[in-house]
N, C-alpha and C. Protein backbone atom coordinates (compact mmCIF):
# COMPACT_ATOMS: atom_id res chain seq x y z
N MET A 1 58.16 1.55 -43.02
CA MET A 1 58.84 2.76 -43.53
C MET A 1 59.81 3.27 -42.46
N PRO A 2 61.04 3.58 -42.86
CA PRO A 2 61.98 4.10 -41.88
C PRO A 2 61.52 5.44 -41.35
N GLY A 3 61.80 5.71 -40.06
CA GLY A 3 61.44 6.98 -39.47
C GLY A 3 62.33 8.10 -39.97
N THR A 4 61.99 9.32 -39.55
CA THR A 4 62.75 10.51 -39.99
C THR A 4 64.21 10.41 -39.57
N GLU A 5 64.44 9.96 -38.32
CA GLU A 5 65.81 9.86 -37.83
C GLU A 5 66.60 8.83 -38.63
N THR A 6 65.99 7.70 -38.92
CA THR A 6 66.66 6.66 -39.70
C THR A 6 66.98 7.15 -41.10
N LYS A 7 66.02 7.86 -41.70
CA LYS A 7 66.25 8.41 -43.04
C LYS A 7 67.42 9.38 -43.03
N GLY A 8 67.51 10.17 -41.96
CA GLY A 8 68.61 11.11 -41.86
C GLY A 8 69.96 10.41 -41.77
N VAL A 9 69.99 9.31 -41.00
CA VAL A 9 71.23 8.53 -40.87
C VAL A 9 71.63 7.95 -42.23
N ILE A 10 70.65 7.39 -42.92
CA ILE A 10 70.92 6.80 -44.24
C ILE A 10 71.40 7.86 -45.22
N ARG A 11 70.75 9.01 -45.19
CA ARG A 11 71.14 10.09 -46.09
C ARG A 11 72.57 10.56 -45.80
N GLY A 12 72.86 10.70 -44.51
CA GLY A 12 74.21 11.11 -44.13
C GLY A 12 75.25 10.09 -44.56
N PHE A 13 74.91 8.81 -44.42
CA PHE A 13 75.83 7.75 -44.84
C PHE A 13 76.08 7.80 -46.34
N ARG A 14 75.01 7.95 -47.12
CA ARG A 14 75.15 8.00 -48.56
C ARG A 14 75.99 9.20 -48.99
N ARG A 15 75.75 10.33 -48.36
CA ARG A 15 76.48 11.55 -48.70
C ARG A 15 77.97 11.38 -48.43
N GLU A 16 78.28 10.83 -47.24
CA GLU A 16 79.69 10.62 -46.91
C GLU A 16 80.31 9.55 -47.80
N GLN A 17 79.53 8.56 -48.19
CA GLN A 17 80.03 7.52 -49.08
C GLN A 17 80.48 8.13 -50.41
N VAL A 18 79.68 9.05 -50.94
CA VAL A 18 80.04 9.71 -52.19
C VAL A 18 81.31 10.54 -52.01
N VAL A 19 81.40 11.25 -50.89
CA VAL A 19 82.56 12.11 -50.63
C VAL A 19 83.84 11.27 -50.51
N THR A 20 83.81 10.24 -49.68
CA THR A 20 85.03 9.44 -49.49
C THR A 20 85.40 8.70 -50.78
N THR A 21 84.42 8.28 -51.53
CA THR A 21 84.70 7.61 -52.81
C THR A 21 85.34 8.58 -53.79
N ALA A 22 84.82 9.79 -53.85
CA ALA A 22 85.40 10.80 -54.75
C ALA A 22 86.85 11.08 -54.38
N LEU A 23 87.13 11.19 -53.09
CA LEU A 23 88.50 11.44 -52.65
C LEU A 23 89.43 10.28 -53.00
N GLN A 24 88.94 9.07 -52.83
CA GLN A 24 89.75 7.89 -53.19
C GLN A 24 90.04 7.86 -54.68
N LEU A 25 89.04 8.18 -55.47
CA LEU A 25 89.19 8.18 -56.92
C LEU A 25 90.18 9.25 -57.37
N ILE A 26 90.06 10.44 -56.80
CA ILE A 26 90.98 11.52 -57.12
C ILE A 26 92.40 11.15 -56.71
N GLY A 27 92.53 10.50 -55.54
CA GLY A 27 93.85 10.09 -55.08
C GLY A 27 94.50 9.10 -56.02
N ARG A 28 93.75 8.13 -56.50
CA ARG A 28 94.30 7.14 -57.43
C ARG A 28 94.64 7.76 -58.77
N ARG A 29 93.78 8.64 -59.25
CA ARG A 29 94.01 9.26 -60.55
C ARG A 29 95.12 10.32 -60.49
N GLY A 30 95.28 10.91 -59.32
CA GLY A 30 96.25 11.99 -59.19
C GLY A 30 95.74 13.31 -59.75
N THR A 31 94.43 13.41 -59.98
CA THR A 31 93.84 14.62 -60.55
C THR A 31 92.38 14.71 -60.11
N PRO A 32 91.86 15.94 -59.94
CA PRO A 32 90.45 16.09 -59.60
C PRO A 32 89.52 15.99 -60.80
N ASP A 33 90.07 15.70 -61.96
CA ASP A 33 89.26 15.60 -63.18
C ASP A 33 88.53 14.26 -63.24
N VAL A 34 87.56 14.10 -62.36
CA VAL A 34 86.71 12.91 -62.36
C VAL A 34 85.27 13.36 -62.52
N SER A 35 84.47 12.55 -63.17
CA SER A 35 83.09 12.92 -63.46
C SER A 35 82.13 12.37 -62.41
N VAL A 36 80.93 12.92 -62.38
CA VAL A 36 79.89 12.41 -61.49
C VAL A 36 79.60 10.95 -61.81
N GLU A 37 79.59 10.60 -63.08
CA GLU A 37 79.33 9.23 -63.49
C GLU A 37 80.39 8.29 -62.95
N GLU A 38 81.64 8.70 -62.99
CA GLU A 38 82.73 7.87 -62.48
C GLU A 38 82.63 7.71 -60.96
N ILE A 39 82.30 8.79 -60.27
CA ILE A 39 82.16 8.73 -58.82
C ILE A 39 81.02 7.79 -58.44
N ALA A 40 79.88 7.90 -59.14
CA ALA A 40 78.73 7.05 -58.86
C ALA A 40 79.07 5.58 -59.08
N ALA A 41 79.74 5.28 -60.19
CA ALA A 41 80.10 3.90 -60.48
C ALA A 41 81.05 3.34 -59.43
N GLU A 42 82.01 4.16 -59.02
CA GLU A 42 82.98 3.72 -58.01
C GLU A 42 82.30 3.49 -56.66
N ALA A 43 81.30 4.31 -56.35
CA ALA A 43 80.60 4.19 -55.07
C ALA A 43 79.54 3.10 -55.10
N GLY A 44 79.22 2.59 -56.30
CA GLY A 44 78.21 1.55 -56.42
C GLY A 44 76.80 2.07 -56.25
N VAL A 45 76.60 3.34 -56.64
CA VAL A 45 75.26 3.93 -56.58
C VAL A 45 74.92 4.50 -57.95
N SER A 46 73.67 4.85 -58.13
CA SER A 46 73.25 5.41 -59.40
C SER A 46 73.63 6.89 -59.49
N ARG A 47 73.69 7.39 -60.69
CA ARG A 47 73.94 8.81 -60.91
C ARG A 47 72.85 9.65 -60.25
N ALA A 48 71.62 9.15 -60.30
CA ALA A 48 70.50 9.86 -59.69
C ALA A 48 70.68 9.98 -58.18
N THR A 49 71.23 8.93 -57.56
CA THR A 49 71.47 8.96 -56.12
C THR A 49 72.46 10.05 -55.77
N VAL A 50 73.50 10.19 -56.55
CA VAL A 50 74.48 11.25 -56.31
C VAL A 50 73.80 12.61 -56.38
N TYR A 51 72.97 12.80 -57.40
CA TYR A 51 72.32 14.09 -57.57
C TYR A 51 71.23 14.33 -56.52
N ASN A 52 70.82 13.29 -55.82
CA ASN A 52 69.90 13.47 -54.70
C ASN A 52 70.58 14.17 -53.52
N HIS A 53 71.91 14.06 -53.49
CA HIS A 53 72.67 14.61 -52.38
C HIS A 53 73.50 15.83 -52.75
N PHE A 54 73.83 15.97 -54.01
CA PHE A 54 74.69 17.07 -54.46
C PHE A 54 74.11 17.70 -55.72
N ARG A 55 74.24 19.02 -55.80
CA ARG A 55 73.71 19.75 -56.94
C ARG A 55 74.46 19.41 -58.22
N ASP A 56 75.80 19.34 -58.10
CA ASP A 56 76.63 19.09 -59.27
C ASP A 56 78.03 18.66 -58.83
N ARG A 57 78.91 18.46 -59.78
CA ARG A 57 80.27 18.01 -59.50
C ARG A 57 81.02 19.04 -58.65
N GLU A 58 80.79 20.31 -58.91
CA GLU A 58 81.47 21.36 -58.15
C GLU A 58 81.14 21.25 -56.67
N GLU A 59 79.89 20.98 -56.36
CA GLU A 59 79.51 20.84 -54.95
C GLU A 59 80.16 19.61 -54.34
N ILE A 60 80.24 18.53 -55.08
CA ILE A 60 80.91 17.33 -54.56
C ILE A 60 82.34 17.64 -54.17
N LEU A 61 83.07 18.31 -55.05
CA LEU A 61 84.48 18.61 -54.78
C LEU A 61 84.61 19.56 -53.60
N ALA A 62 83.73 20.56 -53.51
CA ALA A 62 83.79 21.50 -52.40
C ALA A 62 83.51 20.80 -51.08
N VAL A 63 82.54 19.90 -51.07
CA VAL A 63 82.23 19.15 -49.85
C VAL A 63 83.37 18.20 -49.50
N CYS A 64 84.00 17.62 -50.51
CA CYS A 64 85.18 16.78 -50.27
C CYS A 64 86.25 17.57 -49.53
N ALA A 65 86.53 18.77 -50.00
CA ALA A 65 87.55 19.62 -49.38
C ALA A 65 87.15 19.99 -47.96
N ALA A 66 85.87 20.35 -47.76
CA ALA A 66 85.40 20.73 -46.43
C ALA A 66 85.49 19.55 -45.46
N TRP A 67 85.09 18.38 -45.92
CA TRP A 67 85.12 17.17 -45.09
C TRP A 67 86.54 16.86 -44.64
N ALA A 68 87.48 16.90 -45.59
CA ALA A 68 88.87 16.58 -45.26
C ALA A 68 89.51 17.68 -44.42
N HIS A 69 89.18 18.94 -44.69
CA HIS A 69 89.70 20.03 -43.88
C HIS A 69 89.30 19.86 -42.42
N ARG A 70 88.04 19.51 -42.18
CA ARG A 70 87.57 19.34 -40.80
C ARG A 70 88.35 18.25 -40.08
N ARG A 71 88.61 17.15 -40.77
CA ARG A 71 89.35 16.05 -40.15
C ARG A 71 90.79 16.46 -39.85
N LEU A 72 91.43 17.17 -40.78
CA LEU A 72 92.79 17.63 -40.58
C LEU A 72 92.87 18.62 -39.42
N GLU A 73 91.95 19.58 -39.42
CA GLU A 73 91.95 20.60 -38.37
C GLU A 73 91.71 19.99 -37.00
N ALA A 74 90.83 19.00 -36.93
CA ALA A 74 90.56 18.33 -35.66
C ALA A 74 91.80 17.60 -35.16
N ALA A 75 92.54 16.97 -36.07
CA ALA A 75 93.76 16.25 -35.68
C ALA A 75 94.82 17.22 -35.17
N MET A 76 94.97 18.36 -35.85
CA MET A 76 95.95 19.35 -35.43
C MET A 76 95.55 20.00 -34.11
N GLU A 77 94.25 20.25 -33.96
CA GLU A 77 93.75 20.83 -32.71
C GLU A 77 94.03 19.89 -31.54
N HIS A 78 93.86 18.61 -31.76
CA HIS A 78 94.13 17.62 -30.71
C HIS A 78 95.59 17.70 -30.27
N VAL A 79 96.49 17.83 -31.23
CA VAL A 79 97.92 17.93 -30.90
C VAL A 79 98.18 19.20 -30.08
N LEU A 80 97.58 20.30 -30.49
CA LEU A 80 97.83 21.57 -29.82
C LEU A 80 97.31 21.58 -28.39
N GLN A 81 96.39 20.70 -28.07
CA GLN A 81 95.83 20.65 -26.73
C GLN A 81 96.63 19.74 -25.79
N THR A 82 97.67 19.10 -26.34
CA THR A 82 98.50 18.23 -25.50
C THR A 82 99.58 19.05 -24.81
N ASP A 83 100.02 18.56 -23.66
CA ASP A 83 101.11 19.20 -22.92
C ASP A 83 102.39 18.46 -23.30
N ALA A 84 103.09 18.99 -24.30
CA ALA A 84 104.25 18.27 -24.84
C ALA A 84 105.44 19.20 -24.99
N ALA A 85 106.64 18.59 -25.02
CA ALA A 85 107.85 19.34 -25.29
C ALA A 85 107.83 19.83 -26.74
N ALA A 86 108.70 20.79 -27.05
CA ALA A 86 108.69 21.41 -28.36
C ALA A 86 108.80 20.40 -29.49
N GLU A 87 109.74 19.47 -29.38
CA GLU A 87 109.95 18.51 -30.45
C GLU A 87 108.74 17.60 -30.63
N ASP A 88 108.16 17.18 -29.51
CA ASP A 88 106.98 16.31 -29.59
C ASP A 88 105.78 17.07 -30.16
N LEU A 89 105.65 18.31 -29.77
CA LEU A 89 104.54 19.13 -30.26
C LEU A 89 104.65 19.33 -31.76
N LEU A 90 105.83 19.70 -32.22
CA LEU A 90 106.02 19.95 -33.65
C LEU A 90 105.89 18.67 -34.46
N SER A 91 106.50 17.58 -33.99
CA SER A 91 106.41 16.33 -34.74
C SER A 91 104.98 15.82 -34.77
N GLY A 92 104.23 16.02 -33.69
CA GLY A 92 102.83 15.60 -33.67
C GLY A 92 102.00 16.40 -34.66
N PHE A 93 102.26 17.68 -34.74
CA PHE A 93 101.54 18.56 -35.68
C PHE A 93 101.84 18.15 -37.12
N LEU A 94 103.11 17.92 -37.42
CA LEU A 94 103.51 17.49 -38.77
C LEU A 94 102.95 16.11 -39.08
N ALA A 95 102.95 15.22 -38.08
CA ALA A 95 102.41 13.88 -38.29
C ALA A 95 100.93 13.93 -38.64
N ALA A 96 100.20 14.87 -38.05
CA ALA A 96 98.77 15.01 -38.35
C ALA A 96 98.58 15.36 -39.82
N ALA A 97 99.43 16.24 -40.35
CA ALA A 97 99.32 16.62 -41.76
C ALA A 97 99.69 15.46 -42.68
N LEU A 98 100.75 14.75 -42.34
CA LEU A 98 101.17 13.62 -43.16
C LEU A 98 100.14 12.49 -43.12
N ALA A 99 99.56 12.26 -41.95
CA ALA A 99 98.55 11.21 -41.83
C ALA A 99 97.30 11.56 -42.64
N ALA A 100 96.96 12.86 -42.68
CA ALA A 100 95.81 13.29 -43.48
C ALA A 100 96.06 13.02 -44.95
N LEU A 101 97.29 13.21 -45.40
CA LEU A 101 97.64 12.92 -46.79
C LEU A 101 97.52 11.43 -47.07
N ASP A 102 98.03 10.61 -46.16
CA ASP A 102 97.96 9.15 -46.35
C ASP A 102 96.51 8.67 -46.37
N GLU A 103 95.71 9.25 -45.49
CA GLU A 103 94.32 8.83 -45.38
C GLU A 103 93.50 9.28 -46.59
N ASN A 104 93.78 10.48 -47.06
CA ASN A 104 93.01 11.04 -48.17
C ASN A 104 93.94 11.71 -49.18
N PRO A 105 94.68 10.94 -49.96
CA PRO A 105 95.57 11.56 -50.95
C PRO A 105 94.80 12.42 -51.95
N GLY A 106 93.54 12.09 -52.17
CA GLY A 106 92.74 12.89 -53.08
C GLY A 106 92.53 14.31 -52.59
N PHE A 107 92.48 14.49 -51.27
CA PHE A 107 92.32 15.82 -50.68
C PHE A 107 93.50 16.70 -51.05
N TYR A 108 94.70 16.17 -50.93
CA TYR A 108 95.89 16.94 -51.26
C TYR A 108 95.91 17.29 -52.75
N ARG A 109 95.61 16.31 -53.60
CA ARG A 109 95.59 16.56 -55.04
C ARG A 109 94.53 17.60 -55.40
N LEU A 110 93.40 17.50 -54.76
CA LEU A 110 92.29 18.40 -55.05
C LEU A 110 92.63 19.84 -54.68
N THR A 111 93.09 20.06 -53.46
CA THR A 111 93.37 21.42 -53.03
C THR A 111 94.57 22.01 -53.76
N ARG A 112 95.57 21.19 -54.04
CA ARG A 112 96.74 21.69 -54.77
C ARG A 112 96.36 22.10 -56.18
N ALA A 113 95.51 21.34 -56.82
CA ALA A 113 95.10 21.65 -58.19
C ALA A 113 94.37 22.99 -58.24
N TYR A 114 93.50 23.23 -57.29
CA TYR A 114 92.73 24.47 -57.30
C TYR A 114 93.56 25.66 -56.86
N ARG A 115 94.43 25.46 -55.85
CA ARG A 115 95.27 26.57 -55.42
C ARG A 115 96.29 26.93 -56.49
N GLY A 116 96.84 25.90 -57.14
CA GLY A 116 97.87 26.16 -58.14
C GLY A 116 97.35 26.91 -59.35
N ALA A 117 96.10 26.62 -59.74
CA ALA A 117 95.55 27.24 -60.95
C ALA A 117 94.68 28.44 -60.63
N GLY A 118 94.47 28.70 -59.35
CA GLY A 118 93.61 29.80 -58.99
C GLY A 118 92.15 29.39 -58.97
N GLY A 119 91.82 28.30 -59.63
CA GLY A 119 90.45 27.80 -59.62
C GLY A 119 89.51 28.63 -60.44
N PRO A 120 88.39 28.07 -60.83
CA PRO A 120 87.42 28.79 -61.64
C PRO A 120 86.43 29.59 -60.82
N GLY A 121 86.65 29.68 -59.49
CA GLY A 121 85.69 30.36 -58.65
C GLY A 121 84.66 29.38 -58.13
N GLY A 122 83.60 29.89 -57.52
CA GLY A 122 82.52 29.03 -57.07
C GLY A 122 82.77 28.42 -55.71
N MET A 123 82.09 27.30 -55.46
CA MET A 123 82.07 26.69 -54.13
C MET A 123 83.44 26.21 -53.66
N MET A 124 84.25 25.68 -54.55
CA MET A 124 85.56 25.20 -54.13
C MET A 124 86.43 26.36 -53.64
N ASN A 125 86.47 27.45 -54.37
CA ASN A 125 87.26 28.58 -53.92
C ASN A 125 86.72 29.15 -52.61
N GLU A 126 85.41 29.13 -52.45
CA GLU A 126 84.81 29.60 -51.20
C GLU A 126 85.28 28.73 -50.03
N GLU A 127 85.34 27.42 -50.24
CA GLU A 127 85.81 26.53 -49.19
C GLU A 127 87.27 26.76 -48.88
N LEU A 128 88.10 26.92 -49.90
CA LEU A 128 89.52 27.16 -49.68
C LEU A 128 89.74 28.49 -48.95
N GLU A 129 88.96 29.50 -49.32
CA GLU A 129 89.09 30.80 -48.66
C GLU A 129 88.63 30.73 -47.21
N ALA A 130 87.60 29.92 -46.93
CA ALA A 130 87.12 29.77 -45.56
C ALA A 130 88.11 28.99 -44.71
N ALA A 131 88.77 27.99 -45.33
CA ALA A 131 89.70 27.15 -44.58
C ALA A 131 91.02 27.85 -44.29
N ALA A 132 91.43 28.78 -45.15
CA ALA A 132 92.73 29.43 -45.01
C ALA A 132 92.93 30.10 -43.65
N PRO A 133 92.01 30.95 -43.18
CA PRO A 133 92.24 31.58 -41.87
C PRO A 133 92.23 30.59 -40.72
N ARG A 134 91.45 29.52 -40.84
CA ARG A 134 91.47 28.51 -39.79
C ARG A 134 92.83 27.82 -39.73
N GLY A 135 93.39 27.55 -40.91
CA GLY A 135 94.71 26.93 -40.96
C GLY A 135 95.78 27.86 -40.40
N ARG A 136 95.70 29.15 -40.77
CA ARG A 136 96.67 30.12 -40.25
C ARG A 136 96.59 30.22 -38.72
N ALA A 137 95.37 30.18 -38.20
CA ALA A 137 95.20 30.27 -36.75
C ALA A 137 95.86 29.07 -36.04
N LEU A 138 95.71 27.89 -36.61
CA LEU A 138 96.34 26.70 -36.03
C LEU A 138 97.86 26.82 -36.09
N PHE A 139 98.38 27.31 -37.21
CA PHE A 139 99.83 27.50 -37.36
C PHE A 139 100.34 28.52 -36.35
N GLU A 140 99.59 29.61 -36.18
CA GLU A 140 100.01 30.65 -35.24
C GLU A 140 100.05 30.11 -33.81
N ARG A 141 99.06 29.30 -33.47
CA ARG A 141 99.05 28.71 -32.13
C ARG A 141 100.22 27.75 -31.94
N LEU A 142 100.55 26.99 -32.99
CA LEU A 142 101.70 26.09 -32.92
C LEU A 142 102.97 26.88 -32.65
N VAL A 143 103.20 27.93 -33.42
CA VAL A 143 104.41 28.71 -33.29
C VAL A 143 104.47 29.39 -31.91
N GLN A 144 103.33 29.88 -31.44
CA GLN A 144 103.29 30.50 -30.12
C GLN A 144 103.65 29.49 -29.04
N ARG A 145 103.14 28.25 -29.20
CA ARG A 145 103.48 27.20 -28.25
C ARG A 145 104.97 26.89 -28.30
N LEU A 146 105.53 26.82 -29.50
CA LEU A 146 106.96 26.53 -29.64
C LEU A 146 107.80 27.63 -28.99
N ALA A 147 107.31 28.85 -29.08
CA ALA A 147 108.05 29.98 -28.53
C ALA A 147 108.06 29.99 -27.00
N THR A 148 107.13 29.28 -26.41
CA THR A 148 107.03 29.32 -24.95
C THR A 148 107.21 27.95 -24.30
N THR A 149 107.61 26.95 -25.07
CA THR A 149 107.79 25.61 -24.53
C THR A 149 109.21 25.43 -24.03
N GLY A 150 109.37 25.18 -22.76
CA GLY A 150 110.70 24.94 -22.19
C GLY A 150 111.61 26.15 -22.37
N SER A 151 112.86 25.89 -22.72
CA SER A 151 113.84 26.96 -22.89
C SER A 151 113.94 27.42 -24.34
N LEU A 152 113.11 26.83 -25.21
CA LEU A 152 113.18 27.17 -26.63
C LEU A 152 112.57 28.54 -26.87
N ARG A 153 113.31 29.41 -27.55
CA ARG A 153 112.81 30.73 -27.87
C ARG A 153 112.90 30.89 -29.39
N VAL A 154 111.75 30.98 -30.04
CA VAL A 154 111.69 30.96 -31.49
C VAL A 154 111.13 32.27 -32.02
N ASP A 155 111.80 32.85 -33.00
CA ASP A 155 111.24 33.99 -33.71
C ASP A 155 110.02 33.48 -34.49
N GLU A 156 108.85 34.02 -34.23
CA GLU A 156 107.62 33.45 -34.75
C GLU A 156 107.54 33.51 -36.27
N ALA A 157 107.96 34.61 -36.88
CA ALA A 157 107.90 34.72 -38.34
C ALA A 157 108.85 33.72 -39.00
N THR A 158 110.05 33.61 -38.44
CA THR A 158 111.03 32.66 -38.98
C THR A 158 110.54 31.23 -38.81
N ALA A 159 109.99 30.94 -37.64
CA ALA A 159 109.51 29.58 -37.37
C ALA A 159 108.36 29.21 -38.30
N ALA A 160 107.41 30.11 -38.47
CA ALA A 160 106.26 29.83 -39.34
C ALA A 160 106.71 29.56 -40.77
N SER A 161 107.64 30.37 -41.25
CA SER A 161 108.14 30.20 -42.62
C SER A 161 108.87 28.86 -42.76
N ALA A 162 109.72 28.54 -41.80
CA ALA A 162 110.50 27.29 -41.86
C ALA A 162 109.60 26.07 -41.82
N ILE A 163 108.64 26.09 -40.92
CA ILE A 163 107.73 24.94 -40.79
C ILE A 163 106.91 24.78 -42.06
N GLY A 164 106.44 25.90 -42.60
CA GLY A 164 105.64 25.84 -43.83
C GLY A 164 106.41 25.26 -44.99
N VAL A 165 107.64 25.72 -45.18
CA VAL A 165 108.47 25.24 -46.29
C VAL A 165 108.75 23.75 -46.14
N VAL A 166 109.13 23.33 -44.94
CA VAL A 166 109.45 21.92 -44.71
C VAL A 166 108.20 21.06 -44.90
N LEU A 167 107.06 21.52 -44.41
CA LEU A 167 105.84 20.72 -44.51
C LEU A 167 105.38 20.57 -45.96
N VAL A 168 105.39 21.65 -46.71
CA VAL A 168 104.98 21.58 -48.13
C VAL A 168 105.89 20.63 -48.90
N GLY A 169 107.20 20.75 -48.65
CA GLY A 169 108.14 19.87 -49.32
C GLY A 169 107.91 18.41 -48.96
N ALA A 170 107.62 18.15 -47.68
CA ALA A 170 107.37 16.78 -47.23
C ALA A 170 106.10 16.22 -47.85
N LEU A 171 105.06 17.04 -47.94
CA LEU A 171 103.81 16.58 -48.54
C LEU A 171 103.98 16.27 -50.02
N GLU A 172 104.71 17.13 -50.72
CA GLU A 172 104.96 16.90 -52.15
C GLU A 172 105.71 15.60 -52.36
N ARG A 173 106.73 15.40 -51.55
CA ARG A 173 107.54 14.19 -51.69
C ARG A 173 106.73 12.95 -51.33
N ARG A 174 106.00 13.04 -50.24
CA ARG A 174 105.24 11.87 -49.80
C ARG A 174 104.13 11.51 -50.78
N ALA A 175 103.53 12.53 -51.39
CA ALA A 175 102.45 12.29 -52.35
C ALA A 175 102.95 11.54 -53.58
N SER A 176 104.24 11.66 -53.88
CA SER A 176 104.79 11.00 -55.06
C SER A 176 105.35 9.62 -54.77
N GLU A 177 105.43 9.25 -53.49
CA GLU A 177 106.02 7.95 -53.11
C GLU A 177 104.98 6.84 -53.20
N VAL A 178 105.40 5.71 -53.73
CA VAL A 178 104.51 4.56 -53.84
C VAL A 178 104.27 3.93 -52.48
N SER A 179 105.33 3.79 -51.69
CA SER A 179 105.22 3.17 -50.36
C SER A 179 105.93 4.07 -49.34
N PRO A 180 105.28 5.14 -48.90
CA PRO A 180 105.91 6.04 -47.94
C PRO A 180 106.15 5.35 -46.60
N GLY A 181 107.14 5.83 -45.90
CA GLY A 181 107.47 5.25 -44.60
C GLY A 181 106.48 5.65 -43.53
N PRO A 182 106.69 5.16 -42.29
CA PRO A 182 105.79 5.48 -41.19
C PRO A 182 105.71 6.99 -40.94
N VAL A 183 104.51 7.45 -40.68
CA VAL A 183 104.28 8.88 -40.47
C VAL A 183 105.09 9.41 -39.29
N GLU A 184 105.06 8.69 -38.17
CA GLU A 184 105.70 9.20 -36.96
C GLU A 184 107.20 9.39 -37.15
N GLY A 185 107.84 8.44 -37.83
CA GLY A 185 109.28 8.55 -38.04
C GLY A 185 109.63 9.74 -38.92
N GLU A 186 108.89 9.92 -40.01
CA GLU A 186 109.17 11.04 -40.90
C GLU A 186 108.90 12.37 -40.20
N ALA A 187 107.82 12.44 -39.43
CA ALA A 187 107.49 13.68 -38.73
C ALA A 187 108.57 14.03 -37.72
N ARG A 188 109.12 13.03 -37.05
CA ARG A 188 110.18 13.28 -36.07
C ARG A 188 111.43 13.83 -36.74
N VAL A 189 111.79 13.27 -37.89
CA VAL A 189 112.95 13.75 -38.64
C VAL A 189 112.73 15.20 -39.08
N LEU A 190 111.53 15.49 -39.59
CA LEU A 190 111.22 16.84 -40.04
C LEU A 190 111.28 17.83 -38.89
N ALA A 191 110.75 17.43 -37.73
CA ALA A 191 110.78 18.31 -36.56
C ALA A 191 112.22 18.62 -36.15
N ASP A 192 113.08 17.60 -36.19
CA ASP A 192 114.50 17.79 -35.86
C ASP A 192 115.15 18.78 -36.82
N VAL A 193 114.84 18.64 -38.11
CA VAL A 193 115.41 19.54 -39.13
C VAL A 193 114.99 20.98 -38.84
N VAL A 194 113.72 21.19 -38.58
CA VAL A 194 113.22 22.54 -38.33
C VAL A 194 113.84 23.14 -37.07
N LEU A 195 113.80 22.38 -35.98
CA LEU A 195 114.29 22.92 -34.72
C LEU A 195 115.80 23.16 -34.74
N ASN A 196 116.53 22.27 -35.39
CA ASN A 196 117.98 22.48 -35.51
C ASN A 196 118.27 23.71 -36.35
N GLY A 197 117.52 23.87 -37.45
CA GLY A 197 117.71 25.04 -38.30
C GLY A 197 117.41 26.33 -37.57
N LEU A 198 116.36 26.33 -36.77
CA LEU A 198 115.99 27.52 -36.02
C LEU A 198 117.03 27.82 -34.94
N SER A 199 117.60 26.80 -34.35
CA SER A 199 118.64 26.99 -33.33
C SER A 199 119.86 27.66 -33.95
N LYS A 200 120.25 27.22 -35.14
CA LYS A 200 121.40 27.82 -35.84
C LYS A 200 121.11 29.26 -36.21
N THR A 201 119.88 29.53 -36.63
CA THR A 201 119.50 30.90 -37.00
C THR A 201 119.60 31.81 -35.78
N ARG A 202 119.16 31.34 -34.62
CA ARG A 202 119.22 32.17 -33.42
C ARG A 202 120.64 32.43 -33.03
N ARG A 203 121.53 31.44 -33.17
CA ARG A 203 122.93 31.64 -32.78
C ARG A 203 123.59 32.68 -33.68
N ARG A 204 123.26 32.67 -34.98
CA ARG A 204 123.86 33.63 -35.89
C ARG A 204 123.36 35.04 -35.60
N ASP A 205 122.10 35.14 -35.10
CA ASP A 205 121.52 36.46 -34.86
C ASP A 205 122.06 37.10 -33.60
N ARG A 206 122.73 36.32 -32.75
CA ARG A 206 123.20 36.88 -31.49
C ARG A 206 124.47 37.72 -31.71
């Protein structure tokens, strides 16, 4: 009989297997409208096994969002801890978001579907509400870093708005592409667009 520690490892593996499978399925379908039965079949486990780890479909989706949020936030946090020039810092931050989309397209579809419709409440909305301030804090730290990196002086409200608009547009476009280009190249182009736009805005304000 496996020991308690081994059982915990197996349980954790099964739980993550269901989560990653659900995200892959949502990504391929382009919609979060997938059933527990479909997720179980895709993961190669029984429906009972899924219910051993999750109460219902709502919990699966909420855990999917939480799992992907943690990975995205960790990637962005890693970028913010680097000592980089403004362009490298911004392109690295954007690349982390684009890479998260490539890795888990289902995550983007899932969160967009719930944010766009307001959601029916429950665990998914709780996860989105919990993730929102963490995301804002990362964005604020990025903008603060941009404002103090080298000779670049950025109005924080303008910078946050510009980066947000460019990033959302890039994610929407990339999500619809069959074969998107390399993350690093696209992130570098986006960073150039943002920084050039902010430079022009500052010159007009003088």
